[in-house]
Amino acid sequence: MIENKKIILFDGVCNLCNRSVQYVIKHDTRNDFKFAALQSEIGQKLAQERGIDTSVVDSIILIEPGVAYYTKSTAALKIAQSFGGAWGLTSVLEWIPEKIRNWVYDYVARNRYHWYGKKEACMIPTAELKSKFLDQK
């Protein structure tokens, strides 16, 4: 595991997930995050080590060093809050019960391929971004 880095596991063939990862990379000014597709060997290994069933959680997982992990809406909120500034206001959404937040999250996740499309294979990062991805040499 990468010391002191937060790891985002994401659906590597989902266009919405890929755009979200690109957004995080652009706004990760402190270089806090590393990334891996859930479909990759390292993504599967990290999920399995935490007992996460990727047939149930198949879109986003946030692993924080020294902390457990977050999934679904909580992962998305924690990532947004890490940007600071106005993004900190998203912490108010954590007052909504997780079951309700995850119902909305799951609705979007179930429809993401239909609404945003799907790639045939996982995203291949550019040479400049390879260091941000765990499964890239």
C-alpha atoms as a PDB file:
ATOM      1  CA  MET A   1       0.000   0.000   0.000  1.00  0.00           C
ATOM      2  CA  ILE A   2       1.193   3.523  -0.729  1.00  0.00           C
ATOM      3  CA  GLU A   3       2.040   5.279   2.516  1.00  0.00           C
ATOM      4  CA  ASN A   4       0.079   8.450   3.313  1.00  0.00           C
ATOM      5  CA  LYS A   5      -1.936   8.325   0.099  1.00  0.00           C
ATOM      6  CA  LYS A   6      -5.666   7.941  -0.205  1.00  0.00           C
ATOM      7  CA  ILE A   7      -6.596   5.337  -2.792  1.00  0.00           C
ATOM      8  CA  ILE A   8      -9.646   5.595  -4.999  1.00  0.00           C
ATOM      9  CA  LEU A   9     -10.842   2.361  -6.564  1.00  0.00           C
ATOM     10  CA  PHE A  10     -13.221   3.060  -9.436  1.00  0.00           C
ATOM     11  CA  ASP A  11     -15.073   1.341 -12.267  1.00  0.00           C
ATOM     12  CA  GLY A  12     -12.490   1.589 -15.026  1.00  0.00           C
ATOM     13  CA  VAL A  13     -14.953   1.108 -17.898  1.00  0.00           C
ATOM     14  CA  CYS A  14     -17.568   3.624 -16.700  1.00  0.00           C
ATOM     15  CA  ASN A  15     -17.453   6.991 -18.472  1.00  0.00           C
ATOM     16  CA  LEU A  16     -18.928   8.796 -15.442  1.00  0.00           C
ATOM     17  CA  CYS A  17     -16.335   7.206 -13.151  1.00  0.00           C
ATOM     18  CA  ASN A  18     -13.494   8.058 -15.530  1.00  0.00           C
ATOM     19  CA  ARG A  19     -14.637  11.688 -15.768  1.00  0.00           C
ATOM     20  CA  SER A  20     -14.874  11.804 -11.979  1.00  0.00           C
ATOM     21  CA  VAL A  21     -11.317  10.475 -11.648  1.00  0.00           C
ATOM     22  CA  GLN A  22     -10.098  13.098 -14.114  1.00  0.00           C
ATOM     23  CA  TYR A  23     -11.874  15.765 -12.037  1.00  0.00           C
ATOM     24  CA  VAL A  24     -10.224  14.513  -8.841  1.00  0.00           C
ATOM     25  CA  ILE A  25      -6.790  14.478 -10.512  1.00  0.00           C
ATOM     26  CA  LYS A  26      -7.273  18.058 -11.703  1.00  0.00           C
ATOM     27  CA  HIS A  27      -8.307  19.269  -8.235  1.00  0.00           C
ATOM     28  CA  ASP A  28      -5.893  17.128  -6.189  1.00  0.00           C
ATOM     29  CA  THR A  29      -3.480  20.011  -5.617  1.00  0.00           C
ATOM     30  CA  ARG A  30      -1.885  18.333  -2.574  1.00  0.00           C
ATOM     31  CA  ASN A  31      -1.290  15.073  -4.472  1.00  0.00           C
ATOM     32  CA  ASP A  32      -3.267  13.118  -1.863  1.00  0.00           C
ATOM     33  CA  PHE A  33      -4.721  10.456  -4.149  1.00  0.00           C
ATOM     34  CA  LYS A  34      -3.670   7.354  -6.036  1.00  0.00           C
ATOM     35  CA  PHE A  35      -6.061   5.448  -8.296  1.00  0.00           C
ATOM     36  CA  ALA A  36      -6.774   1.909  -9.455  1.00  0.00           C
ATOM     37  CA  ALA A  37      -9.571   0.425 -11.509  1.00  0.00           C
ATOM     38  CA  LEU A  38     -11.705  -2.072  -9.613  1.00  0.00           C
ATOM     39  CA  GLN A  39     -11.199  -4.446 -12.533  1.00  0.00           C
ATOM     40  CA  SER A  40      -7.403  -4.366 -12.171  1.00  0.00           C
ATOM     41  CA  GLU A  41      -5.425  -6.949 -10.255  1.00  0.00           C
ATOM     42  CA  ILE A  42      -4.404  -4.414  -7.578  1.00  0.00           C
ATOM     43  CA  GLY A  43      -7.969  -3.060  -7.350  1.00  0.00           C
ATOM     44  CA  GLN A  44      -9.345  -6.555  -6.798  1.00  0.00           C
ATOM     45  CA  LYS A  45      -6.613  -7.306  -4.249  1.00  0.00           C
ATOM     46  CA  LEU A  46      -7.256  -4.109  -2.243  1.00  0.00           C
ATOM     47  CA  ALA A  47     -11.009  -4.728  -2.222  1.00  0.00           C
ATOM     48  CA  GLN A  48     -10.581  -8.379  -1.271  1.00  0.00           C
ATOM     49  CA  GLU A  49      -8.175  -7.511   1.589  1.00  0.00           C
ATOM     50  CA  ARG A  50     -10.969  -5.399   3.069  1.00  0.00           C
ATOM     51  CA  GLY A  51     -13.680  -7.973   2.513  1.00  0.00           C
ATOM     52  CA  ILE A  52     -15.483  -5.790  -0.028  1.00  0.00           C
ATOM     53  CA  ASP A  53     -17.741  -7.642  -2.430  1.00  0.00           C
ATOM     54  CA  THR A  54     -17.174  -5.849  -5.750  1.00  0.00           C
ATOM     55  CA  SER A  55     -20.383  -7.345  -7.135  1.00  0.00           C
ATOM     56  CA  VAL A  56     -22.213  -5.175  -4.583  1.00  0.00           C
ATOM     57  CA  VAL A  57     -19.891  -2.149  -4.521  1.00  0.00           C
ATOM     58  CA  ASP A  58     -18.826  -1.802  -8.138  1.00  0.00           C
ATOM     59  CA  SER A  59     -18.353   1.922  -8.636  1.00  0.00           C
ATOM     60  CA  ILE A  60     -16.227   3.665  -5.970  1.00  0.00           C
ATOM     61  CA  ILE A  61     -14.240   2.828  -2.866  1.00  0.00           C
ATOM     62  CA  LEU A  62     -12.025   5.252  -0.935  1.00  0.00           C
ATOM     63  CA  ILE A  63      -9.223   3.737   1.142  1.00  0.00           C
ATOM     64  CA  GLU A  64      -7.573   6.097   3.626  1.00  0.00           C
ATOM     65  CA  PRO A  65      -4.240   5.321   5.286  1.00  0.00           C
ATOM     66  CA  GLY A  66      -4.635   4.434   8.951  1.00  0.00           C
ATOM     67  CA  VAL A  67      -8.422   4.421   8.544  1.00  0.00           C
ATOM     68  CA  ALA A  68     -10.685   1.766   7.172  1.00  0.00           C
ATOM     69  CA  TYR A  69     -12.416   2.486   3.897  1.00  0.00           C
ATOM     70  CA  TYR A  70     -15.518   4.237   2.599  1.00  0.00           C
ATOM     71  CA  THR A  71     -17.898   3.158  -0.143  1.00  0.00           C
ATOM     72  CA  LYS A  72     -20.666   4.640  -2.257  1.00  0.00           C
ATOM     73  CA  SER A  73     -22.030   8.026  -1.129  1.00  0.00           C
ATOM     74  CA  THR A  74     -19.724   8.303   1.877  1.00  0.00           C
ATOM     75  CA  ALA A  75     -16.669   7.755  -0.347  1.00  0.00           C
ATOM     76  CA  ALA A  76     -17.878  10.418  -2.785  1.00  0.00           C
ATOM     77  CA  LEU A  77     -18.503  12.912   0.037  1.00  0.00           C
ATOM     78  CA  LYS A  78     -15.104  12.262   1.675  1.00  0.00           C
ATOM     79  CA  ILE A  79     -13.362  12.778  -1.672  1.00  0.00           C
ATOM     80  CA  ALA A  80     -15.248  16.036  -2.293  1.00  0.00           C
ATOM     81  CA  GLN A  81     -14.451  17.310   1.211  1.00  0.00           C
ATOM     82  CA  SER A  82     -10.744  16.697   0.656  1.00  0.00           C
ATOM     83  CA  PHE A  83     -10.691  19.507  -1.936  1.00  0.00           C
ATOM     84  CA  GLY A  84     -11.333  22.063   0.813  1.00  0.00           C
ATOM     85  CA  GLY A  85     -12.961  25.416   0.268  1.00  0.00           C
ATOM     86  CA  ALA A  86     -16.646  25.361  -0.656  1.00  0.00           C
ATOM     87  CA  TRP A  87     -16.419  21.585  -1.084  1.00  0.00           C
ATOM     88  CA  GLY A  88     -16.331  21.372   2.717  1.00  0.00           C
ATOM     89  CA  LEU A  89     -20.020  22.222   2.661  1.00  0.00           C
ATOM     90  CA  THR A  90     -20.718  18.729   1.352  1.00  0.00           C
ATOM     91  CA  SER A  91     -20.182  17.546   4.942  1.00  0.00           C
ATOM     92  CA  VAL A  92     -23.759  18.742   5.577  1.00  0.00           C
ATOM     93  CA  LEU A  93     -24.928  15.908   3.313  1.00  0.00           C
ATOM     94  CA  GLU A  94     -23.514  13.427   5.824  1.00  0.00           C
ATOM     95  CA  TRP A  95     -26.406  14.405   8.109  1.00  0.00           C
ATOM     96  CA  ILE A  96     -28.687  12.586   5.696  1.00  0.00           C
ATOM     97  CA  PRO A  97     -28.871   8.954   6.800  1.00  0.00           C
ATOM     98  CA  GLU A  98     -26.439   6.799   4.833  1.00  0.00           C
ATOM     99  CA  LYS A  99     -29.241   4.454   3.783  1.00  0.00           C
ATOM    100  CA  ILE A 100     -31.023   7.328   1.999  1.00  0.00           C
ATOM    101  CA  ARG A 101     -27.795   8.716   0.497  1.00  0.00           C
ATOM    102  CA  ASN A 102     -26.871   5.273  -0.787  1.00  0.00           C
ATOM    103  CA  TRP A 103     -30.335   4.758  -2.284  1.00  0.00           C
ATOM    104  CA  VAL A 104     -29.742   7.852  -4.450  1.00  0.00           C
ATOM    105  CA  TYR A 105     -26.143   6.790  -5.124  1.00  0.00           C
ATOM    106  CA  ASP A 106     -27.239   3.269  -6.137  1.00  0.00           C
ATOM    107  CA  TYR A 107     -29.895   4.684  -8.484  1.00  0.00           C
ATOM    108  CA  VAL A 108     -27.228   6.684 -10.336  1.00  0.00           C
ATOM    109  CA  ALA A 109     -24.793   3.740 -10.235  1.00  0.00           C
ATOM    110  CA  ARG A 110     -27.397   1.359 -11.726  1.00  0.00           C
ATOM    111  CA  ASN A 111     -28.015   3.774 -14.601  1.00  0.00           C
ATOM    112  CA  ARG A 112     -24.494   5.089 -15.176  1.00  0.00           C
ATOM    113  CA  TYR A 113     -23.740   3.006 -18.256  1.00  0.00           C
ATOM    114  CA  HIS A 114     -27.078   3.913 -19.835  1.00  0.00           C
ATOM    115  CA  TRP A 115     -26.738   7.640 -19.089  1.00  0.00           C
ATOM    116  CA  TYR A 116     -22.981   8.146 -19.570  1.00  0.00           C
ATOM    117  CA  GLY A 117     -21.818   5.171 -21.593  1.00  0.00           C
ATOM    118  CA  LYS A 118     -19.237   2.486 -21.086  1.00  0.00           C
ATOM    119  CA  LYS A 119     -15.781   1.824 -22.496  1.00  0.00           C
ATOM    120  CA  GLU A 120     -14.680  -1.554 -23.845  1.00  0.00           C
ATOM    121  CA  ALA A 121     -11.577  -1.507 -21.632  1.00  0.00           C
ATOM    122  CA  CYS A 122     -10.244   0.373 -18.626  1.00  0.00           C
ATOM    123  CA  MET A 123      -8.830   3.844 -19.108  1.00  0.00           C
ATOM    124  CA  ILE A 124      -5.117   3.984 -19.916  1.00  0.00           C
ATOM    125  CA  PRO A 125      -3.567   7.053 -18.287  1.00  0.00           C
ATOM    126  CA  THR A 126      -1.289   9.362 -20.198  1.00  0.00           C
ATOM    127  CA  ALA A 127       2.453   9.227 -19.513  1.00  0.00           C
ATOM    128  CA  GLU A 128       2.161  12.275 -17.207  1.00  0.00           C
ATOM    129  CA  LEU A 129      -0.551  10.611 -15.114  1.00  0.00           C
ATOM    130  CA  LYS A 130       0.854   7.083 -14.835  1.00  0.00           C
ATOM    131  CA  SER A 131       2.412   7.833 -11.449  1.00  0.00           C
ATOM    132  CA  LYS A 132      -1.084   8.539 -10.060  1.00  0.00           C
ATOM    133  CA  PHE A 133      -2.235   4.979 -10.843  1.00  0.00           C
ATOM    134  CA  LEU A 134      -1.240   1.963  -8.761  1.00  0.00           C
ATOM    135  CA  ASP A 135      -1.487  -0.588 -11.519  1.00  0.00           C
ATOM    136  CA  GLN A 136       0.605   1.250 -14.103  1.00  0.00           C
ATOM    137  CA  LYS A 137       4.313   0.699 -14.586  1.00  0.00           C
END
